[in-house]
Amino acid sequence: TLLMSCSLSIWAQSNENFVRLVEIEVDPNQISAYKQLLHESINTSVSVEEGVLQYHVVTDKKDAFRFTLLEIYKDEAAYLAHIKTAHFLKYKQKSAEMVKTLKLIDVNLEAQVLKND
């Protein structure tokens, strides 16, 4: 059954992670350049930083310049180390003219259901 092919994370364990939602509004004329920059930054982060666990990026179907990121770090220390890395600082510097608004929302990951293949 579907229920048997999914795994539910342990709820208490998930709150040890540092989880953040990031809402970003990008200059509509710079979406392509922003997507490239973001892609490079998050892929580098996941590849080289042990404490960066997951990134999920979605855009609004009606307003493609509105991005929402779900970022999951091992803990707050991993996040604090992440924002000091050269690749993150490069992202911040290069995206400064592209990003119109930025909202950071700290959240608890209450549950995560993944389909097992």
C-alpha atoms as a PDB file:
ATOM      1  CA  THR A   1       0.000   0.000   0.000  1.00  0.00           C
ATOM      2  CA  LEU A   2       0.980   3.616  -0.338  1.00  0.00           C
ATOM      3  CA  LEU A   3       1.305   3.972   3.410  1.00  0.00           C
ATOM      4  CA  MET A   4       3.852   1.169   3.554  1.00  0.00           C
ATOM      5  CA  SER A   5       5.942   2.729   0.777  1.00  0.00           C
ATOM      6  CA  CYS A   6       6.336   6.043   2.614  1.00  0.00           C
ATOM      7  CA  SER A   7       8.446   6.937   5.596  1.00  0.00           C
ATOM      8  CA  LEU A   8       7.513   9.492   8.218  1.00  0.00           C
ATOM      9  CA  SER A   9      10.347  11.245   9.971  1.00  0.00           C
ATOM     10  CA  ILE A  10      10.451  11.253  13.733  1.00  0.00           C
ATOM     11  CA  TRP A  11       8.834  14.501  14.819  1.00  0.00           C
ATOM     12  CA  ALA A  12      11.063  15.238  17.788  1.00  0.00           C
ATOM     13  CA  GLN A  13      14.200  14.672  15.736  1.00  0.00           C
ATOM     14  CA  SER A  14      13.128  17.148  13.057  1.00  0.00           C
ATOM     15  CA  ASN A  15      13.021  20.037  15.528  1.00  0.00           C
ATOM     16  CA  GLU A  16      16.769  19.642  16.149  1.00  0.00           C
ATOM     17  CA  ASN A  17      17.304  20.908  12.601  1.00  0.00           C
ATOM     18  CA  PHE A  18      17.336  24.597  11.760  1.00  0.00           C
ATOM     19  CA  VAL A  19      14.545  25.133   9.244  1.00  0.00           C
ATOM     20  CA  ARG A  20      13.763  28.359   7.472  1.00  0.00           C
ATOM     21  CA  LEU A  21      11.312  29.554   4.849  1.00  0.00           C
ATOM     22  CA  VAL A  22      12.631  32.314   2.649  1.00  0.00           C
ATOM     23  CA  GLU A  23      10.249  34.422   0.589  1.00  0.00           C
ATOM     24  CA  ILE A  24      11.976  36.358  -2.177  1.00  0.00           C
ATOM     25  CA  GLU A  25      10.581  38.747  -4.738  1.00  0.00           C
ATOM     26  CA  VAL A  26      12.945  39.119  -7.687  1.00  0.00           C
ATOM     27  CA  ASP A  27      13.051  41.882 -10.273  1.00  0.00           C
ATOM     28  CA  PRO A  28      10.939  40.373 -13.098  1.00  0.00           C
ATOM     29  CA  ASN A  29      13.541  41.493 -15.656  1.00  0.00           C
ATOM     30  CA  GLN A  30      16.257  39.484 -13.909  1.00  0.00           C
ATOM     31  CA  ILE A  31      14.547  36.133 -13.250  1.00  0.00           C
ATOM     32  CA  SER A  32      16.781  34.124 -15.579  1.00  0.00           C
ATOM     33  CA  ALA A  33      20.010  35.519 -14.104  1.00  0.00           C
ATOM     34  CA  TYR A  34      18.654  35.074 -10.575  1.00  0.00           C
ATOM     35  CA  LYS A  35      17.705  31.436 -11.206  1.00  0.00           C
ATOM     36  CA  GLN A  36      21.225  30.698 -12.455  1.00  0.00           C
ATOM     37  CA  LEU A  37      22.804  32.382  -9.445  1.00  0.00           C
ATOM     38  CA  LEU A  38      20.490  30.625  -6.981  1.00  0.00           C
ATOM     39  CA  HIS A  39      21.036  27.240  -8.649  1.00  0.00           C
ATOM     40  CA  GLU A  40      24.811  27.651  -8.408  1.00  0.00           C
ATOM     41  CA  SER A  41      24.647  28.766  -4.785  1.00  0.00           C
ATOM     42  CA  ILE A  42      22.370  26.041  -3.435  1.00  0.00           C
ATOM     43  CA  ASN A  43      24.107  23.261  -5.353  1.00  0.00           C
ATOM     44  CA  THR A  44      27.479  24.392  -4.031  1.00  0.00           C
ATOM     45  CA  SER A  45      26.093  24.612  -0.495  1.00  0.00           C
ATOM     46  CA  VAL A  46      24.693  21.076  -0.546  1.00  0.00           C
ATOM     47  CA  SER A  47      27.853  19.714  -2.174  1.00  0.00           C
ATOM     48  CA  VAL A  48      30.468  21.237   0.123  1.00  0.00           C
ATOM     49  CA  GLU A  49      28.735  21.980   3.433  1.00  0.00           C
ATOM     50  CA  GLU A  50      28.045  19.003   5.677  1.00  0.00           C
ATOM     51  CA  GLY A  51      25.463  20.952   7.684  1.00  0.00           C
ATOM     52  CA  VAL A  52      23.323  21.940   4.692  1.00  0.00           C
ATOM     53  CA  LEU A  53      20.791  19.128   4.393  1.00  0.00           C
ATOM     54  CA  GLN A  54      18.126  20.230   1.902  1.00  0.00           C
ATOM     55  CA  TYR A  55      16.862  23.070  -0.237  1.00  0.00           C
ATOM     56  CA  HIS A  56      13.488  23.142  -1.930  1.00  0.00           C
ATOM     57  CA  VAL A  57      12.700  26.035  -4.269  1.00  0.00           C
ATOM     58  CA  VAL A  58       9.285  26.865  -5.687  1.00  0.00           C
ATOM     59  CA  THR A  59       7.930  29.806  -7.657  1.00  0.00           C
ATOM     60  CA  ASP A  60       4.426  31.197  -7.776  1.00  0.00           C
ATOM     61  CA  LYS A  61       2.599  29.958 -10.893  1.00  0.00           C
ATOM     62  CA  LYS A  62       0.980  33.354 -11.466  1.00  0.00           C
ATOM     63  CA  ASP A  63       3.915  35.520 -10.411  1.00  0.00           C
ATOM     64  CA  ALA A  64       7.099  33.686 -11.443  1.00  0.00           C
ATOM     65  CA  PHE A  65       9.205  36.390  -9.777  1.00  0.00           C
ATOM     66  CA  ARG A  66       8.036  35.222  -6.316  1.00  0.00           C
ATOM     67  CA  PHE A  67      10.293  32.477  -4.949  1.00  0.00           C
ATOM     68  CA  THR A  68       9.855  30.470  -1.759  1.00  0.00           C
ATOM     69  CA  LEU A  69      12.719  28.392  -0.409  1.00  0.00           C
ATOM     70  CA  LEU A  70      12.552  25.735   2.271  1.00  0.00           C
ATOM     71  CA  GLU A  71      16.025  25.425   3.761  1.00  0.00           C
ATOM     72  CA  ILE A  72      16.978  22.646   6.174  1.00  0.00           C
ATOM     73  CA  TYR A  73      20.262  22.729   8.065  1.00  0.00           C
ATOM     74  CA  LYS A  74      21.646  20.230  10.564  1.00  0.00           C
ATOM     75  CA  ASP A  75      21.347  22.843  13.312  1.00  0.00           C
ATOM     76  CA  GLU A  76      21.597  26.582  13.871  1.00  0.00           C
ATOM     77  CA  ALA A  77      25.405  26.417  14.009  1.00  0.00           C
ATOM     78  CA  ALA A  78      25.403  24.923  10.487  1.00  0.00           C
ATOM     79  CA  TYR A  79      23.235  27.803   9.272  1.00  0.00           C
ATOM     80  CA  LEU A  80      25.497  30.382  10.916  1.00  0.00           C
ATOM     81  CA  ALA A  81      28.531  28.752   9.261  1.00  0.00           C
ATOM     82  CA  HIS A  82      26.693  28.688   5.905  1.00  0.00           C
ATOM     83  CA  ILE A  83      26.064  32.448   5.812  1.00  0.00           C
ATOM     84  CA  LYS A  84      29.812  33.068   6.232  1.00  0.00           C
ATOM     85  CA  THR A  85      30.915  30.902   3.271  1.00  0.00           C
ATOM     86  CA  ALA A  86      32.457  32.465   0.172  1.00  0.00           C
ATOM     87  CA  HIS A  87      29.763  31.004  -2.121  1.00  0.00           C
ATOM     88  CA  PHE A  88      26.901  32.396   0.018  1.00  0.00           C
ATOM     89  CA  LEU A  89      28.547  35.822   0.261  1.00  0.00           C
ATOM     90  CA  LYS A  90      28.999  35.765  -3.538  1.00  0.00           C
ATOM     91  CA  TYR A  91      25.286  34.954  -3.934  1.00  0.00           C
ATOM     92  CA  LYS A  92      24.292  37.808  -1.584  1.00  0.00           C
ATOM     93  CA  GLN A  93      26.527  40.308  -3.362  1.00  0.00           C
ATOM     94  CA  LYS A  94      25.478  39.321  -6.893  1.00  0.00           C
ATOM     95  CA  SER A  95      21.753  39.056  -6.034  1.00  0.00           C
ATOM     96  CA  ALA A  96      21.559  42.389  -4.192  1.00  0.00           C
ATOM     97  CA  GLU A  97      20.331  44.253  -7.287  1.00  0.00           C
ATOM     98  CA  MET A  98      17.983  41.408  -8.288  1.00  0.00           C
ATOM     99  CA  VAL A  99      16.119  40.878  -5.011  1.00  0.00           C
ATOM    100  CA  LYS A 100      13.321  43.375  -4.371  1.00  0.00           C
ATOM    101  CA  THR A 101      12.058  41.904  -1.078  1.00  0.00           C
ATOM    102  CA  LEU A 102      13.310  39.248   1.299  1.00  0.00           C
ATOM    103  CA  LYS A 103      11.444  37.679   4.210  1.00  0.00           C
ATOM    104  CA  LEU A 104      13.029  35.082   6.525  1.00  0.00           C
ATOM    105  CA  ILE A 105      10.681  32.884   8.559  1.00  0.00           C
ATOM    106  CA  ASP A 106      12.053  30.417  11.096  1.00  0.00           C
ATOM    107  CA  VAL A 107       9.809  27.353  11.299  1.00  0.00           C
ATOM    108  CA  ASN A 108       9.653  23.902  12.876  1.00  0.00           C
ATOM    109  CA  LEU A 109       9.541  20.909  10.559  1.00  0.00           C
ATOM    110  CA  GLU A 110       6.670  18.988  12.118  1.00  0.00           C
ATOM    111  CA  ALA A 111       6.672  16.064   9.718  1.00  0.00           C
ATOM    112  CA  GLN A 112       8.269  14.939   6.505  1.00  0.00           C
ATOM    113  CA  VAL A 113       6.827  12.185   4.359  1.00  0.00           C
ATOM    114  CA  LEU A 114       9.008  10.759   1.621  1.00  0.00           C
ATOM    115  CA  LYS A 115       8.088   8.125  -0.912  1.00  0.00           C
ATOM    116  CA  ASN A 116      10.488   5.171  -0.843  1.00  0.00           C
ATOM    117  CA  ASP A 117      11.364   3.801  -4.260  1.00  0.00           C
END
